[in-house]
Amino acid sequence: MEFLWSNFHLLMERGGPVMWPLLVLSIVSVTLTVERIWFWRRMGSRGSRVRLRAMVNALRMNDADTVLVLAEEDKGPFAAVAADLASDGPSDAIAIAAVERQRPRLERFLNILSTIVTAAPMLGILGTVSGIIRSFELLGGKDTLSDPRLVSAGIAEALVATASGLVVALISLFPYMYFRSHSDKAIGVMEGLVASAKLGVERHGGDPDSSLRKAEALAREMTKETVLS
């Protein structure tokens, strides 16, 4: 433990001031990655997959009651979309609204990870510039340079800061791409729920004007909110 702490302290000292914001970014990145892994593992659990298949079958049979019962047992995004389709109908307006309500849950923290991917290398470059400036100040100073290691300290700061910025960006980039891929796949599953609900209404009947009336009511409500805001 003491060995790790001494190496960590040496790395932070050699990398210069930019190492501290890079450390904060790395902690934030790892924390958000763990949270998103837990979220997607819960969505992909066996119980969730079984309930999802049951909700798809119930939507195809136009069995709204069964969908709502299953949705009560699963608080995930898929269940929320299925419940909206079962209760409000599978019209285009309602389907789009249902999917868009769940999109923030799927894409949560992705903007932060994307920002870290961009900001970390820039901080590394900033450390590179400050280290090189430090070396040139020593070389161009009026005093005689007696210890060449003073110049190498500035070069070391530049290299350590650059490498650290790239490492932080990489440990954020791969989770970001992984979670973005899962988000896109989840949107596809939701579109499949919408298609199943429409197929159930077509095959097993229902009031064809009901969805239209609800969509019109939703449009009026959205227009009213826009005017008030």
Foldseek 3Di string as FASTA:
>chain_A
DVVVVVVVVVLDVLQPDLVVVLVVLLVVLVVVLVVLVVVVCVCPDPVNVVLLVVLLVCLLQLNLVSLLVSLVVPVALLSQLSNQCSVQNLDPLSLVVSLVVRLCVLCPCLVVLVVLLVVLQVSLQVQLVQLCVQLVCLVPDPDDDDDCVSNVSSNSNSVSSNVSSNVSNVSSVVSSVVSVVVSVVVSVSSVSSSVSNVNSCVVNHDDPCRNVVSSVVVVVVVVVVVVVD
